[in-house]
Amino acid sequence: MAKFAKKKDGDLPAVSTASLPDIVFMLLFFFMTVTTMKDSTLLVENTLPNASEIKKLEKKDRIIFIYVGTPSEEYQAVYGTEAKIQLNDKFANVSEVGSYILAERAKKPQEVQNFLTTALKVDKNANMGLISDIKQELRKVNALKVNYTTYQGNAFNNLQ
């Protein structure tokens, strides 16, 4: 008669790693499709003001950003310390705002062009005359939906 050997209790079979590369590539493709790239590098110092009544903009693809603030330290030697306008990755004059908005509007799909919002990210110490000039240029190109980007907080903190 043959003698049968008993299995030892507590031995676990080796974990199969055959599907591990599939899982890694699936995660890689997921993050490649979901991740968005940064649109532009901030060339101006931009300390946003506080506001008590804010609303979050839901659809980011319908927003055109205009940054206003003093140039960063590396650009102050060339551009000075006066507030400047940044459109995408370059400094611009007030007269260039209208053509920038029209160019950005043309890049968007036809069905969302009427729903675009211009978001002004303005430093809290910026000159209001510059903001008024930007708004005049936006009116000329019929970009009437304007949003001021702020932080949640007490608006009286802006006076300091």
N, C-alpha and C. Protein backbone atom coordinates (compact mmCIF):
# COMPACT_ATOMS: atom_id res chain seq x y z
N MET A 1 0.83 -1.17 0.00
CA MET A 1 0.00 0.00 0.00
C MET A 1 0.87 1.23 0.00
N ALA A 2 0.36 2.21 -0.71
CA ALA A 2 1.12 3.45 -0.81
C ALA A 2 0.78 4.35 0.36
N LYS A 3 1.77 5.04 0.76
CA LYS A 3 1.58 5.95 1.88
C LYS A 3 1.42 7.37 1.34
N PHE A 4 0.37 8.05 1.77
CA PHE A 4 0.10 9.43 1.32
C PHE A 4 0.66 10.40 2.33
N ALA A 5 1.33 11.45 1.80
CA ALA A 5 1.90 12.47 2.70
C ALA A 5 0.84 13.54 2.96
N LYS A 6 0.77 13.95 4.21
CA LYS A 6 -0.18 15.00 4.58
C LYS A 6 0.43 16.36 4.21
N LYS A 7 -0.48 17.28 3.82
CA LYS A 7 -0.02 18.65 3.57
C LYS A 7 0.24 19.30 4.92
N LYS A 8 1.26 20.15 4.91
CA LYS A 8 1.55 20.88 6.15
C LYS A 8 0.53 21.99 6.31
N ASP A 9 0.02 22.16 7.50
CA ASP A 9 -0.95 23.21 7.77
C ASP A 9 -0.25 24.57 7.81
N GLY A 10 -0.92 25.62 7.28
CA GLY A 10 -0.39 26.97 7.36
C GLY A 10 0.40 27.42 6.14
N ASP A 11 0.70 26.54 5.22
CA ASP A 11 1.43 26.97 4.02
C ASP A 11 0.45 27.63 3.05
N LEU A 12 0.80 28.84 2.62
CA LEU A 12 -0.02 29.56 1.65
C LEU A 12 0.64 29.45 0.28
N PRO A 13 -0.16 29.36 -0.75
CA PRO A 13 0.43 29.30 -2.08
C PRO A 13 1.03 30.65 -2.46
N ALA A 14 1.97 30.66 -3.34
CA ALA A 14 2.62 31.91 -3.77
C ALA A 14 1.62 32.79 -4.50
N VAL A 15 1.72 34.11 -4.31
CA VAL A 15 0.83 35.06 -4.95
C VAL A 15 1.25 35.22 -6.41
N SER A 16 0.28 35.12 -7.28
CA SER A 16 0.56 35.25 -8.71
C SER A 16 0.69 36.73 -9.07
N THR A 17 1.78 37.08 -9.72
CA THR A 17 2.00 38.45 -10.14
C THR A 17 1.85 38.61 -11.64
N ALA A 18 1.20 37.69 -12.27
CA ALA A 18 1.04 37.72 -13.72
C ALA A 18 0.19 38.90 -14.17
N SER A 19 -0.81 39.32 -13.40
CA SER A 19 -1.69 40.41 -13.82
C SER A 19 -1.21 41.77 -13.33
N LEU A 20 -0.11 41.82 -12.60
CA LEU A 20 0.39 43.09 -12.06
C LEU A 20 0.73 44.10 -13.15
N PRO A 21 1.42 43.75 -14.22
CA PRO A 21 1.70 44.76 -15.27
C PRO A 21 0.42 45.31 -15.90
N ASP A 22 -0.61 44.48 -16.05
CA ASP A 22 -1.87 44.96 -16.60
C ASP A 22 -2.49 46.02 -15.70
N ILE A 23 -2.44 45.78 -14.41
CA ILE A 23 -3.01 46.73 -13.46
C ILE A 23 -2.23 48.04 -13.47
N VAL A 24 -0.90 47.96 -13.52
CA VAL A 24 -0.06 49.16 -13.54
C VAL A 24 -0.34 49.99 -14.78
N PHE A 25 -0.44 49.36 -15.96
CA PHE A 25 -0.71 50.11 -17.17
C PHE A 25 -2.12 50.67 -17.19
N MET A 26 -3.07 49.98 -16.60
CA MET A 26 -4.43 50.50 -16.52
C MET A 26 -4.45 51.77 -15.67
N LEU A 27 -3.76 51.77 -14.54
CA LEU A 27 -3.68 52.96 -13.70
C LEU A 27 -2.94 54.10 -14.41
N LEU A 28 -1.89 53.76 -15.13
CA LEU A 28 -1.14 54.76 -15.87
C LEU A 28 -2.02 55.44 -16.91
N PHE A 29 -2.76 54.67 -17.68
CA PHE A 29 -3.65 55.25 -18.69
C PHE A 29 -4.77 56.06 -18.05
N PHE A 30 -5.27 55.62 -16.91
CA PHE A 30 -6.31 56.37 -16.22
C PHE A 30 -5.81 57.75 -15.83
N PHE A 31 -4.64 57.82 -15.19
CA PHE A 31 -4.11 59.11 -14.77
C PHE A 31 -3.68 59.98 -15.93
N MET A 32 -3.27 59.37 -17.03
CA MET A 32 -2.91 60.16 -18.21
C MET A 32 -4.14 60.83 -18.82
N THR A 33 -5.28 60.18 -18.77
CA THR A 33 -6.48 60.76 -19.36
C THR A 33 -7.17 61.74 -18.43
N VAL A 34 -7.05 61.56 -17.14
CA VAL A 34 -7.76 62.41 -16.18
C VAL A 34 -6.97 63.67 -15.82
N THR A 35 -5.67 63.60 -15.82
CA THR A 35 -4.84 64.72 -15.38
C THR A 35 -4.88 65.84 -16.40
N THR A 36 -5.01 67.07 -15.89
CA THR A 36 -4.94 68.25 -16.76
C THR A 36 -3.61 68.95 -16.53
N MET A 37 -3.09 69.51 -17.59
CA MET A 37 -1.82 70.21 -17.51
C MET A 37 -2.06 71.65 -17.08
N LYS A 38 -1.07 72.24 -16.49
CA LYS A 38 -1.15 73.62 -16.07
C LYS A 38 -1.15 74.51 -17.30
N ASP A 39 -2.10 75.46 -17.35
CA ASP A 39 -2.25 76.29 -18.54
C ASP A 39 -1.12 77.30 -18.71
N SER A 40 -0.82 78.03 -17.66
CA SER A 40 0.19 79.08 -17.79
C SER A 40 0.97 79.22 -16.49
N THR A 41 2.16 79.77 -16.63
CA THR A 41 3.01 80.04 -15.48
C THR A 41 2.72 81.45 -14.99
N LEU A 42 2.57 81.61 -13.70
CA LEU A 42 2.23 82.90 -13.14
C LEU A 42 3.47 83.79 -13.12
N LEU A 43 3.42 84.90 -13.85
CA LEU A 43 4.53 85.84 -13.94
C LEU A 43 4.35 87.03 -13.01
N VAL A 44 3.16 87.15 -12.42
CA VAL A 44 2.87 88.28 -11.53
C VAL A 44 2.59 87.75 -10.13
N GLU A 45 2.90 88.59 -9.14
CA GLU A 45 2.54 88.26 -7.76
C GLU A 45 1.06 88.54 -7.61
N ASN A 46 0.32 87.56 -7.13
CA ASN A 46 -1.12 87.65 -7.16
C ASN A 46 -1.69 87.23 -5.82
N THR A 47 -1.87 88.19 -4.92
CA THR A 47 -2.52 87.94 -3.63
C THR A 47 -3.98 88.32 -3.80
N LEU A 48 -4.83 87.32 -3.87
CA LEU A 48 -6.24 87.57 -4.12
C LEU A 48 -6.93 88.13 -2.88
N PRO A 49 -7.92 88.99 -3.06
CA PRO A 49 -8.65 89.54 -1.91
C PRO A 49 -9.61 88.52 -1.32
N ASN A 50 -10.13 88.82 -0.15
CA ASN A 50 -11.11 87.97 0.52
C ASN A 50 -12.51 88.48 0.21
N ALA A 51 -13.47 87.58 0.21
CA ALA A 51 -14.88 87.94 0.03
C ALA A 51 -15.73 86.99 0.84
N SER A 52 -16.85 87.50 1.32
CA SER A 52 -17.72 86.66 2.15
C SER A 52 -18.75 85.91 1.31
N GLU A 53 -19.19 86.48 0.21
CA GLU A 53 -20.19 85.83 -0.65
C GLU A 53 -19.50 85.40 -1.94
N ILE A 54 -19.18 84.11 -2.04
CA ILE A 54 -18.50 83.61 -3.22
C ILE A 54 -19.30 82.45 -3.82
N LYS A 55 -19.03 82.20 -5.11
CA LYS A 55 -19.66 81.09 -5.81
C LYS A 55 -18.59 80.44 -6.66
N LYS A 56 -18.51 79.13 -6.61
CA LYS A 56 -17.51 78.39 -7.36
C LYS A 56 -17.97 78.22 -8.80
N LEU A 57 -17.06 78.47 -9.74
CA LEU A 57 -17.37 78.24 -11.15
C LEU A 57 -17.21 76.76 -11.43
N GLU A 58 -18.22 76.16 -12.01
CA GLU A 58 -18.25 74.72 -12.19
C GLU A 58 -17.48 74.25 -13.41
N LYS A 59 -17.71 74.85 -14.55
CA LYS A 59 -17.14 74.35 -15.80
C LYS A 59 -15.89 75.15 -16.15
N LYS A 60 -14.73 74.55 -15.90
CA LYS A 60 -13.45 75.23 -16.10
C LYS A 60 -13.12 75.43 -17.57
N ASP A 61 -13.72 74.66 -18.46
CA ASP A 61 -13.41 74.81 -19.88
C ASP A 61 -14.06 76.06 -20.48
N ARG A 62 -14.92 76.71 -19.75
CA ARG A 62 -15.61 77.91 -20.23
C ARG A 62 -15.07 79.19 -19.60
N ILE A 63 -13.86 79.15 -19.09
CA ILE A 63 -13.28 80.29 -18.39
C ILE A 63 -12.03 80.76 -19.12
N ILE A 64 -11.92 82.07 -19.29
CA ILE A 64 -10.72 82.70 -19.83
C ILE A 64 -10.12 83.53 -18.71
N PHE A 65 -8.85 83.26 -18.37
CA PHE A 65 -8.22 83.93 -17.23
C PHE A 65 -7.39 85.12 -17.68
N ILE A 66 -7.49 86.20 -16.89
CA ILE A 66 -6.63 87.37 -17.03
C ILE A 66 -6.04 87.64 -15.65
N TYR A 67 -4.70 87.67 -15.55
CA TYR A 67 -4.01 87.90 -14.29
C TYR A 67 -3.51 89.34 -14.24
N VAL A 68 -3.67 89.98 -13.09
CA VAL A 68 -3.19 91.35 -12.90
C VAL A 68 -2.46 91.41 -11.56
N GLY A 69 -1.26 91.96 -11.57
CA GLY A 69 -0.49 92.11 -10.34
C GLY A 69 0.89 92.66 -10.63
N THR A 70 1.65 92.86 -9.58
CA THR A 70 3.03 93.34 -9.77
C THR A 70 3.87 92.19 -10.30
N PRO A 71 4.82 92.48 -11.19
CA PRO A 71 5.66 91.41 -11.73
C PRO A 71 6.44 90.70 -10.63
N SER A 72 6.73 89.43 -10.83
CA SER A 72 7.53 88.66 -9.88
C SER A 72 8.92 89.29 -9.78
N GLU A 73 9.66 88.90 -8.76
CA GLU A 73 10.97 89.52 -8.51
C GLU A 73 11.92 89.40 -9.69
N GLU A 74 11.90 88.28 -10.39
CA GLU A 74 12.82 88.11 -11.52
C GLU A 74 12.47 89.00 -12.71
N TYR A 75 11.22 89.50 -12.77
CA TYR A 75 10.80 90.36 -13.88
C TYR A 75 10.75 91.83 -13.50
N GLN A 76 10.94 92.16 -12.22
CA GLN A 76 10.84 93.55 -11.78
C GLN A 76 11.95 94.42 -12.36
N ALA A 77 13.10 93.86 -12.65
CA ALA A 77 14.19 94.65 -13.23
C ALA A 77 13.82 95.12 -14.64
N VAL A 78 13.06 94.34 -15.36
CA VAL A 78 12.68 94.68 -16.73
C VAL A 78 11.38 95.47 -16.77
N TYR A 79 10.37 95.04 -16.00
CA TYR A 79 9.03 95.62 -16.10
C TYR A 79 8.67 96.57 -14.97
N GLY A 80 9.51 96.71 -13.97
CA GLY A 80 9.22 97.61 -12.85
C GLY A 80 8.29 96.98 -11.83
N THR A 81 7.81 97.81 -10.91
CA THR A 81 6.97 97.31 -9.82
C THR A 81 5.51 97.73 -9.97
N GLU A 82 5.18 98.37 -11.07
CA GLU A 82 3.80 98.76 -11.33
C GLU A 82 3.00 97.54 -11.77
N ALA A 83 1.71 97.49 -11.45
CA ALA A 83 0.86 96.35 -11.79
C ALA A 83 0.83 96.14 -13.30
N LYS A 84 0.92 94.88 -13.72
CA LYS A 84 0.93 94.51 -15.13
C LYS A 84 -0.16 93.48 -15.39
N ILE A 85 -0.52 93.33 -16.66
CA ILE A 85 -1.51 92.36 -17.10
C ILE A 85 -0.76 91.17 -17.67
N GLN A 86 -1.18 89.96 -17.28
CA GLN A 86 -0.61 88.73 -17.85
C GLN A 86 -1.70 87.99 -18.60
N LEU A 87 -1.44 87.75 -19.88
CA LEU A 87 -2.33 86.96 -20.73
C LEU A 87 -1.57 85.73 -21.15
N ASN A 88 -2.05 84.56 -20.77
CA ASN A 88 -1.34 83.29 -20.95
C ASN A 88 0.04 83.39 -20.30
N ASP A 89 1.12 83.29 -21.07
CA ASP A 89 2.46 83.29 -20.49
C ASP A 89 3.26 84.54 -20.85
N LYS A 90 2.57 85.67 -21.08
CA LYS A 90 3.31 86.88 -21.42
C LYS A 90 2.62 88.09 -20.84
N PHE A 91 3.42 89.14 -20.64
CA PHE A 91 2.87 90.41 -20.20
C PHE A 91 2.22 91.10 -21.38
N ALA A 92 1.17 91.90 -21.11
CA ALA A 92 0.44 92.55 -22.20
C ALA A 92 -0.01 93.93 -21.77
N ASN A 93 -0.37 94.73 -22.77
CA ASN A 93 -0.96 96.05 -22.53
C ASN A 93 -2.47 95.91 -22.51
N VAL A 94 -3.14 96.97 -22.06
CA VAL A 94 -4.59 96.96 -22.00
C VAL A 94 -5.18 96.80 -23.41
N SER A 95 -4.53 97.37 -24.40
CA SER A 95 -5.06 97.31 -25.77
C SER A 95 -5.04 95.90 -26.35
N GLU A 96 -4.27 94.99 -25.78
CA GLU A 96 -4.18 93.62 -26.27
C GLU A 96 -5.24 92.69 -25.68
N VAL A 97 -5.97 93.17 -24.69
CA VAL A 97 -6.95 92.32 -24.00
C VAL A 97 -8.07 91.89 -24.93
N GLY A 98 -8.58 92.81 -25.75
CA GLY A 98 -9.68 92.49 -26.66
C GLY A 98 -9.30 91.42 -27.66
N SER A 99 -8.14 91.56 -28.28
CA SER A 99 -7.72 90.56 -29.27
C SER A 99 -7.44 89.21 -28.60
N TYR A 100 -6.94 89.23 -27.35
CA TYR A 100 -6.71 87.99 -26.61
C TYR A 100 -8.04 87.26 -26.36
N ILE A 101 -9.06 88.00 -25.94
CA ILE A 101 -10.36 87.39 -25.67
C ILE A 101 -10.95 86.81 -26.96
N LEU A 102 -10.83 87.55 -28.06
CA LEU A 102 -11.36 87.04 -29.33
C LEU A 102 -10.62 85.79 -29.79
N ALA A 103 -9.30 85.76 -29.59
CA ALA A 103 -8.51 84.58 -29.97
C ALA A 103 -8.86 83.38 -29.11
N GLU A 104 -9.03 83.60 -27.81
CA GLU A 104 -9.40 82.49 -26.91
C GLU A 104 -10.80 82.00 -27.20
N ARG A 105 -11.69 82.92 -27.54
CA ARG A 105 -13.06 82.54 -27.87
C ARG A 105 -13.08 81.69 -29.14
N ALA A 106 -12.23 82.02 -30.11
CA ALA A 106 -12.17 81.27 -31.36
C ALA A 106 -11.64 79.85 -31.15
N LYS A 107 -10.83 79.64 -30.12
CA LYS A 107 -10.29 78.30 -29.83
C LYS A 107 -11.34 77.36 -29.24
N LYS A 108 -12.38 77.92 -28.65
CA LYS A 108 -13.40 77.11 -27.98
C LYS A 108 -14.40 76.56 -28.99
N PRO A 109 -15.08 75.46 -28.66
CA PRO A 109 -16.12 74.93 -29.55
C PRO A 109 -17.27 75.94 -29.72
N GLN A 110 -17.92 75.89 -30.85
CA GLN A 110 -18.97 76.85 -31.20
C GLN A 110 -20.11 76.86 -30.16
N GLU A 111 -20.46 75.68 -29.63
CA GLU A 111 -21.60 75.61 -28.72
C GLU A 111 -21.34 76.24 -27.34
N VAL A 112 -20.08 76.46 -26.95
CA VAL A 112 -19.79 77.07 -25.65
C VAL A 112 -19.31 78.50 -25.76
N GLN A 113 -19.17 79.03 -26.98
CA GLN A 113 -18.64 80.38 -27.15
C GLN A 113 -19.54 81.45 -26.53
N ASN A 114 -20.82 81.22 -26.49
CA ASN A 114 -21.74 82.20 -25.89
C ASN A 114 -21.79 82.11 -24.37
N PHE A 115 -21.18 81.09 -23.79
CA PHE A 115 -21.24 80.89 -22.35
C PHE A 115 -19.89 81.12 -21.67
N LEU A 116 -18.96 81.77 -22.34
CA LEU A 116 -17.62 81.98 -21.77
C LEU A 116 -17.65 83.04 -20.69
N THR A 117 -16.86 82.83 -19.66
CA THR A 117 -16.71 83.76 -18.57
C THR A 117 -15.26 84.23 -18.51
N THR A 118 -15.06 85.51 -18.35
CA THR A 118 -13.72 86.06 -18.18
C THR A 118 -13.46 86.18 -16.69
N ALA A 119 -12.47 85.46 -16.20
CA ALA A 119 -12.14 85.49 -14.77
C ALA A 119 -10.93 86.39 -14.58
N LEU A 120 -11.11 87.43 -13.78
CA LEU A 120 -10.02 88.35 -13.46
C LEU A 120 -9.41 87.93 -12.13
N LYS A 121 -8.15 87.51 -12.18
CA LYS A 121 -7.41 87.19 -10.97
C LYS A 121 -6.53 88.39 -10.68
N VAL A 122 -7.03 89.27 -9.84
CA VAL A 122 -6.42 90.57 -9.62
C VAL A 122 -5.82 90.63 -8.22
N ASP A 123 -4.59 91.11 -8.15
CA ASP A 123 -3.93 91.33 -6.86
C ASP A 123 -4.72 92.36 -6.08
N LYS A 124 -4.84 92.17 -4.77
CA LYS A 124 -5.67 93.08 -3.98
C LYS A 124 -5.08 94.48 -3.88
N ASN A 125 -3.80 94.65 -4.21
CA ASN A 125 -3.19 95.97 -4.18
C ASN A 125 -3.09 96.62 -5.56
N ALA A 126 -3.72 96.03 -6.57
CA ALA A 126 -3.65 96.56 -7.93
C ALA A 126 -4.48 97.83 -8.04
N ASN A 127 -4.09 98.67 -8.99
CA ASN A 127 -4.76 99.93 -9.24
C ASN A 127 -6.12 99.68 -9.90
N MET A 128 -7.16 100.28 -9.36
CA MET A 128 -8.51 100.07 -9.90
C MET A 128 -8.67 100.69 -11.28
N GLY A 129 -7.87 101.69 -11.61
CA GLY A 129 -7.93 102.29 -12.94
C GLY A 129 -7.56 101.27 -14.01
N LEU A 130 -6.58 100.42 -13.74
CA LEU A 130 -6.18 99.38 -14.68
C LEU A 130 -7.32 98.37 -14.87
N ILE A 131 -7.99 98.03 -13.79
CA ILE A 131 -9.11 97.08 -13.86
C ILE A 131 -10.25 97.70 -14.68
N SER A 132 -10.50 98.97 -14.48
CA SER A 132 -11.54 99.66 -15.24
C SER A 132 -11.21 99.68 -16.73
N ASP A 133 -9.94 99.89 -17.08
CA ASP A 133 -9.53 99.86 -18.48
C ASP A 133 -9.72 98.47 -19.09
N ILE A 134 -9.41 97.43 -18.31
CA ILE A 134 -9.61 96.06 -18.79
C ILE A 134 -11.09 95.80 -19.03
N LYS A 135 -11.94 96.26 -18.13
CA LYS A 135 -13.37 96.07 -18.30
C LYS A 135 -13.90 96.81 -19.52
N GLN A 136 -13.35 97.98 -19.83
CA GLN A 136 -13.75 98.71 -21.04
C GLN A 136 -13.40 97.91 -22.29
N GLU A 137 -12.20 97.30 -22.30
CA GLU A 137 -11.79 96.48 -23.43
C GLU A 137 -12.68 95.24 -23.56
N LEU A 138 -13.08 94.66 -22.44
CA LEU A 138 -13.98 93.50 -22.48
C LEU A 138 -15.35 93.89 -23.04
N ARG A 139 -15.81 95.09 -22.74
CA ARG A 139 -17.09 95.55 -23.29
C ARG A 139 -17.01 95.71 -24.80
N LYS A 140 -15.86 96.16 -25.30
CA LYS A 140 -15.70 96.37 -26.74
C LYS A 140 -15.84 95.07 -27.53
N VAL A 141 -15.41 93.95 -26.94
CA VAL A 141 -15.50 92.66 -27.64
C VAL A 141 -16.68 91.83 -27.15
N ASN A 142 -17.59 92.48 -26.42
CA ASN A 142 -18.82 91.86 -25.94
C ASN A 142 -18.56 90.67 -25.02
N ALA A 143 -17.53 90.77 -24.19
CA ALA A 143 -17.27 89.75 -23.16
C ALA A 143 -17.81 90.31 -21.85
N LEU A 144 -19.10 90.18 -21.66
CA LEU A 144 -19.78 90.85 -20.56
C LEU A 144 -19.89 90.01 -19.30
N LYS A 145 -19.59 88.73 -19.38
CA LYS A 145 -19.62 87.86 -18.21
C LYS A 145 -18.25 87.91 -17.54
N VAL A 146 -18.15 88.65 -16.44
CA VAL A 146 -16.87 88.85 -15.77
C VAL A 146 -16.97 88.30 -14.36
N ASN A 147 -15.93 87.61 -13.95
CA ASN A 147 -15.85 87.03 -12.61
C ASN A 147 -14.58 87.53 -11.95
N TYR A 148 -14.68 87.93 -10.71
CA TYR A 148 -13.51 88.31 -9.93
C TYR A 148 -13.15 87.15 -9.01
N THR A 149 -11.98 86.59 -9.16
CA THR A 149 -11.57 85.44 -8.37
C THR A 149 -11.09 85.93 -7.01
N THR A 150 -11.61 85.30 -5.94
CA THR A 150 -11.28 85.70 -4.57
C THR A 150 -11.10 84.46 -3.70
N TYR A 151 -10.69 84.72 -2.47
CA TYR A 151 -10.65 83.69 -1.44
C TYR A 151 -11.83 83.87 -0.52
N GLN A 152 -12.28 82.78 0.09
CA GLN A 152 -13.34 82.85 1.10
C GLN A 152 -12.76 83.48 2.36
N GLY A 153 -13.45 84.46 2.89
CA GLY A 153 -12.99 85.09 4.12
C GLY A 153 -13.73 86.38 4.39
N ASN A 154 -13.25 87.10 5.37
CA ASN A 154 -13.85 88.36 5.76
C ASN A 154 -13.33 89.46 4.84
N ALA A 155 -14.24 90.20 4.21
CA ALA A 155 -13.84 91.24 3.26
C ALA A 155 -13.12 92.40 3.95
N PHE A 156 -13.32 92.58 5.24
CA PHE A 156 -12.65 93.67 5.95
C PHE A 156 -11.16 93.41 6.11
N ASN A 157 -10.71 92.16 5.90
CA ASN A 157 -9.27 91.86 5.94
C ASN A 157 -8.53 92.47 4.76
N ASN A 158 -9.25 92.87 3.71
CA ASN A 158 -8.62 93.47 2.54
C ASN A 158 -8.13 94.88 2.82
N LEU A 159 -8.64 95.52 3.86
CA LEU A 159 -8.27 96.90 4.16
C LEU A 159 -6.91 97.01 4.81
N GLN A 160 -6.36 95.93 5.26
CA GLN A 160 -5.07 95.97 5.96
C GLN A 160 -3.92 96.10 5.01
